Amino acid sequence: MLQIALHKVGNKTNDEGYFLSDGLLHLEEEIDALLQTYFLSPFKFDTLYEFYHETQLSLNEIYTYAQQIFEAPETLHEQSRAIAKHLYQKSIHPKVKGGELYVVYFPDYVFQGEEVPAIGIFKSENKDVFLKVHPKNDNFSIEKQEGVNINKLDKGSLIIKRPQDEHPIVAVVDNLNKSTEAQYWFDEFLKVQQQQNEYFHTSQTLSMYKNFVMEDLPQAFDVSKADQADLLNRSVQYFKEHESFSMDEFEQEVMAQPDIIDRFAQYKQGYEQQYEVQVENEFDISAAALKKQARNFKSVIKLDKNFHIYIHGDRSQIEQGIDEEGRKYYKIFYDVEQ
């Protein structure tokens, strides 16, 4: 059976307050199983996070409370009350909704084939409307009820402690907020940052390269949409054909031309300074990150409102020009019509 502490936390700016329970929940086995599905099914684990603090890690509240639970699981309820108070202090954006806060201890959570202790922090904010139908005499009656949809976890985090890691790793779900107030769960409450693993490096490098091709390159060179599409296609192909990334190899195989390579080196340096990040020159390629990023590498040339040309490879099979009347055109060569 799960060990679960449940509290209710409102919006501090709206002076909604919070309600703290006086003990752990005692659940029937069926409810316990439903809650496990509700809590755990949304997590994907492609992107993992780690706790941080500007001065020292021990000043990160959730990190410290989690460490105390890992060391003494019997303190779960005591620490959960502190976690609820901390959440209330961070719930200051006017759009942050109040809701139920669950703090759960999983002694034998299976992560990547290994049984490890984990702590879950979950928040339900939205309530769905359900209709309940009752037989009544020779007819039926219908009443409206509000409740939590167990297929829609609003916010959650799993804090996983593996023996080989110095600090816990964190998986995060936030299905409600994708913009403004979204960051209070990541940046203010949990205070986590993305782990710099192969998924992070693959995503970052592809994203940076796409920005270079689409935004910076046209400022320095006369490149057509077809040229840009070709450069994007070649980059994705490189990542698909290699298990590890080498910046020197990538530049020679994908960009090839020395002047473009030099421009890219300048762009990379400016990118690192602007975003205060380090773009690694060598790393293992993440297939999951490549699959996700490749969806955004759509090589499409849009011509007025009449035509879209999708370019999947072989730049030599498409030519661009202007006819005698000044009309722009593309000439496409092919072998088989499907």
Protein backbone atom coordinates (compact mmCIF):
# COMPACT_ATOMS: atom_id res chain seq x y z
CA MET A 1 0.00 0.00 0.00
CA LEU A 2 1.12 3.53 -0.77
CA GLN A 3 2.18 5.91 1.98
CA ILE A 4 0.31 9.10 1.12
CA ALA A 5 0.01 12.47 2.82
CA LEU A 6 -2.76 14.73 1.48
CA HIS A 7 -3.14 18.47 2.04
CA LYS A 8 -4.95 21.34 0.33
CA VAL A 9 -3.02 24.41 -0.83
CA GLY A 10 -4.57 27.63 -2.12
CA ASN A 11 -3.29 30.76 -3.83
CA LYS A 12 -1.37 33.00 -1.43
CA THR A 13 -2.00 36.22 -3.39
CA ASN A 14 -5.73 35.55 -3.17
CA ASP A 15 -5.35 34.76 0.54
CA GLU A 16 -6.89 31.29 0.10
CA GLY A 17 -4.78 29.68 2.82
CA TYR A 18 -3.98 26.00 3.17
CA PHE A 19 -5.37 22.99 5.06
CA LEU A 20 -2.96 20.43 6.51
CA SER A 21 -4.05 16.91 7.45
CA ASP A 22 -3.06 15.38 10.77
CA GLY A 23 -1.96 11.99 9.47
CA LEU A 24 -1.36 9.73 6.47
CA LEU A 25 -4.23 8.46 4.36
CA HIS A 26 -5.64 4.96 4.92
CA LEU A 27 -7.02 3.66 1.63
CA GLU A 28 -8.80 0.63 0.31
CA GLU A 29 -6.74 -1.53 -2.05
CA GLU A 30 -8.82 -0.56 -5.11
CA ILE A 31 -8.37 3.18 -4.48
CA ASP A 32 -4.67 2.62 -3.86
CA ALA A 33 -4.30 1.01 -7.31
CA LEU A 34 -6.25 3.81 -9.01
CA LEU A 35 -4.07 6.44 -7.38
CA GLN A 36 -0.89 4.70 -8.53
CA THR A 37 -2.19 4.88 -12.11
CA TYR A 38 -3.18 8.53 -11.63
CA PHE A 39 0.20 9.47 -10.18
CA LEU A 40 2.63 7.50 -12.33
CA SER A 41 1.22 6.97 -15.83
CA PRO A 42 1.92 10.53 -17.17
CA PHE A 43 5.70 10.35 -16.66
CA LYS A 44 7.87 9.82 -19.74
CA PHE A 45 11.49 10.20 -18.44
CA ASP A 46 13.03 11.46 -21.70
CA THR A 47 13.81 14.78 -20.05
CA LEU A 48 15.21 14.52 -16.53
CA TYR A 49 15.99 17.31 -14.08
CA GLU A 50 18.16 17.96 -11.04
CA PHE A 51 17.78 20.23 -8.03
CA TYR A 52 19.86 23.40 -7.88
CA HIS A 53 20.35 26.54 -5.83
CA GLU A 54 22.30 29.71 -6.57
CA THR A 55 24.50 29.39 -3.48
CA GLN A 56 24.36 25.85 -2.05
CA LEU A 57 22.12 22.88 -2.77
CA SER A 58 21.10 22.34 0.85
CA LEU A 59 19.17 25.65 0.66
CA ASN A 60 16.82 24.15 -1.91
CA GLU A 61 13.78 23.38 0.23
CA ILE A 62 12.31 20.44 -1.71
CA TYR A 63 15.74 18.83 -2.05
CA THR A 64 16.23 19.06 1.70
CA TYR A 65 12.75 17.75 2.59
CA ALA A 66 13.19 14.87 0.14
CA GLN A 67 16.57 13.95 1.58
CA GLN A 68 15.03 13.77 5.04
CA ILE A 69 12.26 11.46 3.79
CA PHE A 70 14.79 9.19 2.07
CA GLU A 71 16.81 8.99 5.28
CA ALA A 72 13.77 8.46 7.53
CA PRO A 73 10.60 7.45 5.61
CA GLU A 74 8.59 7.54 8.84
CA THR A 75 8.88 11.36 8.71
CA LEU A 76 6.89 11.48 5.46
CA HIS A 77 3.87 13.24 6.97
CA GLU A 78 5.96 15.74 8.90
CA GLN A 79 7.96 16.67 5.80
CA SER A 80 4.83 16.77 3.64
CA ARG A 81 3.42 19.51 5.84
CA ALA A 82 6.58 21.54 5.28
CA ILE A 83 6.32 20.89 1.52
CA ALA A 84 2.71 22.14 1.51
CA LYS A 85 3.69 25.33 3.33
CA HIS A 86 6.54 25.87 0.88
CA LEU A 87 4.16 25.42 -2.08
CA TYR A 88 1.79 27.98 -0.58
CA GLN A 89 4.61 30.54 -0.33
CA LYS A 90 5.36 30.04 -4.03
CA SER A 91 1.72 30.12 -5.22
CA ILE A 92 1.64 33.86 -5.73
CA HIS A 93 0.88 34.24 -9.44
CA PRO A 94 -2.80 35.27 -9.72
CA LYS A 95 -3.47 32.46 -12.22
CA VAL A 96 -2.11 29.69 -10.01
CA LYS A 97 -5.01 27.50 -8.95
CA GLY A 98 -5.45 25.98 -5.54
CA GLY A 99 -5.83 22.24 -5.20
CA GLU A 100 -5.01 19.01 -3.41
CA LEU A 101 -1.35 18.22 -2.77
CA TYR A 102 -0.28 14.58 -2.46
CA VAL A 103 3.14 13.60 -1.13
CA VAL A 104 3.83 9.90 -1.65
CA TYR A 105 6.69 7.59 -0.70
CA PHE A 106 7.46 4.67 -3.03
CA PRO A 107 9.96 2.34 -1.29
CA ASP A 108 10.46 0.07 -4.33
CA TYR A 109 9.80 2.16 -7.42
CA VAL A 110 11.00 0.46 -10.61
CA PHE A 111 13.09 2.90 -12.66
CA GLN A 112 15.02 1.69 -15.71
CA GLY A 113 14.75 -1.89 -14.46
CA GLU A 114 16.04 -1.10 -10.97
CA GLU A 115 14.07 -0.97 -7.70
CA VAL A 116 14.85 2.32 -5.98
CA PRO A 117 13.16 4.59 -3.41
CA ALA A 118 11.22 7.50 -4.86
CA ILE A 119 9.11 10.39 -3.59
CA GLY A 120 6.17 11.72 -5.56
CA ILE A 121 4.75 15.22 -5.20
CA PHE A 122 1.48 15.64 -7.11
CA LYS A 123 -1.07 18.43 -7.33
CA SER A 124 -4.62 18.25 -8.68
CA GLU A 125 -6.07 21.64 -9.64
CA ASN A 126 -8.87 21.09 -12.14
CA LYS A 127 -12.14 19.34 -11.39
CA ASP A 128 -14.15 17.58 -14.07
CA VAL A 129 -17.93 17.33 -14.08
CA PHE A 130 -19.38 13.81 -13.97
CA LEU A 131 -22.98 12.68 -14.35
CA LYS A 132 -24.14 9.89 -12.08
CA VAL A 133 -27.22 7.96 -13.20
CA HIS A 134 -29.47 6.24 -10.62
CA PRO A 135 -32.44 3.93 -11.24
CA LYS A 136 -35.50 5.50 -9.63
CA ASN A 137 -38.84 3.70 -9.54
CA ASP A 138 -39.62 2.98 -13.19
CA ASN A 139 -37.26 5.67 -14.49
CA PHE A 140 -33.86 7.22 -13.83
CA SER A 141 -32.46 10.25 -12.10
CA ILE A 142 -29.23 12.07 -12.97
CA GLU A 143 -27.10 14.11 -10.62
CA LYS A 144 -24.01 16.21 -11.27
CA GLN A 145 -20.80 15.56 -9.36
CA GLU A 146 -17.37 17.18 -9.50
CA GLY A 147 -14.18 15.20 -9.08
CA VAL A 148 -10.63 14.50 -10.17
CA ASN A 149 -10.15 12.76 -13.50
CA ILE A 150 -7.57 10.03 -12.81
CA ASN A 151 -6.43 10.22 -16.45
CA LYS A 152 -5.39 13.87 -16.13
CA LEU A 153 -2.66 14.59 -13.61
CA ASP A 154 -2.24 18.37 -13.47
CA LYS A 155 1.19 18.68 -11.89
CA GLY A 156 3.64 16.17 -10.56
CA SER A 157 7.25 15.35 -9.83
CA LEU A 158 9.05 12.11 -9.09
CA ILE A 159 12.22 12.38 -7.04
CA ILE A 160 14.28 9.24 -7.61
CA LYS A 161 17.26 8.22 -5.50
CA ARG A 162 19.62 5.73 -7.15
CA PRO A 163 22.66 4.41 -5.26
CA GLN A 164 25.00 5.36 -8.12
CA ASP A 165 23.93 9.04 -8.11
CA GLU A 166 25.29 11.64 -5.72
CA HIS A 167 21.98 13.53 -5.80
CA PRO A 168 18.42 12.52 -6.71
CA ILE A 169 17.15 12.85 -10.26
CA VAL A 170 13.76 14.43 -10.91
CA ALA A 171 11.05 13.83 -13.51
CA VAL A 172 8.43 16.56 -13.88
CA VAL A 173 4.91 16.80 -15.32
CA ASP A 174 2.98 20.05 -15.80
CA ASN A 175 -0.01 19.49 -18.07
CA LEU A 176 -1.77 22.77 -17.34
CA ASN A 177 0.62 25.66 -17.66
CA LYS A 178 2.70 26.10 -20.79
CA SER A 179 3.56 29.78 -20.50
CA THR A 180 3.64 32.65 -17.98
CA GLU A 181 2.77 31.10 -14.65
CA ALA A 182 4.06 27.66 -15.67
CA GLN A 183 7.50 28.23 -14.27
CA TYR A 184 6.41 28.52 -10.65
CA TRP A 185 6.26 24.71 -10.40
CA PHE A 186 9.68 24.21 -12.03
CA ASP A 187 11.61 27.31 -10.99
CA GLU A 188 10.08 28.47 -7.74
CA PHE A 189 8.59 25.41 -6.02
CA LEU A 190 10.86 22.55 -7.14
CA LYS A 191 13.76 24.73 -8.32
CA VAL A 192 15.07 22.25 -10.87
CA GLN A 193 17.09 22.48 -14.06
CA GLN A 194 17.40 20.03 -16.91
CA GLN A 195 20.11 17.42 -16.55
CA GLN A 196 22.90 17.84 -19.07
CA ASN A 197 22.77 14.30 -20.45
CA GLU A 198 22.70 12.96 -24.03
CA TYR A 199 19.04 13.98 -24.41
CA PHE A 200 19.85 17.54 -23.37
CA HIS A 201 22.92 17.83 -25.62
CA THR A 202 21.16 16.35 -28.66
CA SER A 203 18.16 18.66 -28.25
CA GLN A 204 20.28 21.74 -27.60
CA THR A 205 22.60 21.20 -30.55
CA LEU A 206 19.81 20.53 -33.05
CA SER A 207 17.81 23.51 -31.80
CA MET A 208 20.84 25.82 -32.03
CA TYR A 209 21.71 24.59 -35.53
CA LYS A 210 18.15 25.10 -36.78
CA ASN A 211 18.15 28.68 -35.48
CA PHE A 212 21.49 29.24 -37.22
CA VAL A 213 20.23 27.96 -40.58
CA MET A 214 16.85 29.71 -40.50
CA GLU A 215 17.74 33.03 -38.84
CA ASP A 216 21.47 33.80 -38.95
CA LEU A 217 22.69 32.25 -42.19
CA PRO A 218 20.47 34.36 -44.51
CA GLN A 219 21.95 37.51 -42.96
CA ALA A 220 25.44 36.57 -44.12
CA PHE A 221 24.89 34.62 -47.35
CA ASP A 222 22.53 34.50 -50.29
CA VAL A 223 20.77 31.23 -49.42
CA SER A 224 17.49 30.05 -50.86
CA LYS A 225 14.74 28.22 -49.02
CA ALA A 226 15.88 25.10 -50.86
CA ASP A 227 19.42 25.57 -49.51
CA GLN A 228 18.08 25.94 -45.98
CA ALA A 229 15.93 22.84 -46.38
CA ASP A 230 18.95 20.91 -47.62
CA LEU A 231 21.08 21.97 -44.65
CA LEU A 232 18.33 20.94 -42.22
CA ASN A 233 17.84 17.58 -43.92
CA ARG A 234 21.56 16.84 -43.88
CA SER A 235 21.79 17.63 -40.17
CA VAL A 236 18.96 15.24 -39.30
CA GLN A 237 20.52 12.59 -41.53
CA TYR A 238 23.85 12.99 -39.71
CA PHE A 239 22.20 12.41 -36.34
CA LYS A 240 20.34 9.37 -37.67
CA GLU A 241 23.48 7.77 -39.08
CA HIS A 242 25.77 8.30 -36.08
CA GLU A 243 25.66 7.00 -32.52
CA SER A 244 27.85 9.82 -31.21
CA PHE A 245 28.25 13.46 -32.18
CA SER A 246 31.50 15.17 -33.14
CA MET A 247 31.33 18.88 -33.87
CA ASP A 248 34.27 18.79 -36.31
CA GLU A 249 32.80 15.84 -38.18
CA PHE A 250 29.32 17.43 -38.20
CA GLU A 251 30.65 20.68 -39.68
CA GLN A 252 32.55 18.89 -42.45
CA GLU A 253 29.77 16.46 -43.39
CA VAL A 254 26.77 18.78 -43.07
CA MET A 255 27.95 22.34 -43.76
CA ALA A 256 31.05 21.48 -45.82
CA GLN A 257 31.83 25.04 -46.99
CA PRO A 258 34.57 26.79 -44.93
CA ASP A 259 32.83 30.17 -44.90
CA ILE A 260 29.59 28.63 -43.54
CA ILE A 261 31.57 26.65 -40.96
CA ASP A 262 33.30 29.84 -39.79
CA ARG A 263 29.98 31.66 -39.55
CA PHE A 264 28.53 28.77 -37.54
CA ALA A 265 31.49 28.87 -35.11
CA GLN A 266 30.81 32.57 -34.50
CA TYR A 267 27.11 31.90 -34.03
CA LYS A 268 27.82 29.07 -31.56
CA GLN A 269 30.07 31.32 -29.49
CA GLY A 270 27.44 34.08 -29.39
CA TYR A 271 24.72 31.54 -28.55
CA GLU A 272 26.72 30.23 -25.57
CA GLN A 273 27.31 33.75 -24.27
CA GLN A 274 23.71 34.88 -24.73
CA TYR A 275 22.13 31.84 -23.05
CA GLU A 276 25.00 31.13 -20.62
CA VAL A 277 25.30 27.52 -21.73
CA GLN A 278 28.05 25.26 -23.00
CA VAL A 279 27.34 23.49 -26.29
CA GLU A 280 29.37 20.29 -26.13
CA ASN A 281 31.58 19.29 -29.05
CA GLU A 282 31.22 15.56 -28.40
CA PHE A 283 28.40 13.51 -26.87
CA ASP A 284 26.34 10.36 -27.36
CA ILE A 285 23.27 10.97 -29.52
CA SER A 286 19.83 10.44 -27.96
CA ALA A 287 17.40 8.75 -30.37
CA ALA A 288 14.44 10.04 -28.33
CA ALA A 289 15.64 13.65 -28.53
CA LEU A 290 16.34 13.30 -32.25
CA LYS A 291 12.85 11.95 -32.90
CA LYS A 292 11.26 14.85 -31.04
CA GLN A 293 13.42 17.55 -32.64
CA ALA A 294 13.09 16.12 -36.14
CA ARG A 295 9.36 16.89 -36.06
CA ASN A 296 10.27 20.57 -36.12
CA PHE A 297 12.71 20.20 -39.00
CA LYS A 298 10.04 20.38 -41.68
CA SER A 299 11.71 21.36 -44.93
CA VAL A 300 8.81 23.08 -46.66
CA ILE A 301 8.94 25.84 -49.25
CA LYS A 302 5.66 27.78 -49.33
CA LEU A 303 4.93 29.49 -52.64
CA ASP A 304 2.28 32.20 -52.38
CA LYS A 305 -0.98 30.45 -51.51
CA ASN A 306 -0.79 27.98 -54.37
CA PHE A 307 1.91 25.39 -53.64
CA HIS A 308 3.98 23.76 -50.90
CA ILE A 309 7.18 21.94 -51.86
CA TYR A 310 8.42 19.35 -49.34
CA ILE A 311 12.14 18.64 -49.65
CA HIS A 312 13.35 15.38 -48.14
CA GLY A 313 16.83 15.20 -49.67
CA ASP A 314 19.10 15.54 -52.73
CA ARG A 315 19.35 19.29 -53.25
CA SER A 316 20.55 18.74 -56.84
CA GLN A 317 17.06 17.62 -57.87
CA ILE A 318 15.55 21.10 -57.49
CA GLU A 319 16.52 24.31 -59.27
CA GLN A 320 15.36 27.87 -58.76
CA GLY A 321 15.20 30.63 -61.35
CA ILE A 322 13.42 33.61 -62.91
CA ASP A 323 11.88 33.49 -66.38
CA GLU A 324 11.92 36.18 -69.09
CA GLU A 325 8.79 37.81 -67.67
CA GLY A 326 10.27 38.09 -64.18
CA ARG A 327 8.29 35.23 -62.70
CA LYS A 328 10.07 33.11 -60.10
CA TYR A 329 10.00 29.34 -60.54
CA TYR A 330 11.32 26.05 -59.17
CA LYS A 331 12.29 23.21 -61.52
CA ILE A 332 12.00 19.72 -59.98
CA PHE A 333 13.57 16.55 -61.39
CA TYR A 334 12.32 13.05 -60.51
CA ASP A 335 12.42 9.43 -61.68
CA VAL A 336 9.18 7.94 -60.37
CA GLU A 337 5.76 9.52 -59.87
CA GLN A 338 3.77 7.98 -57.01
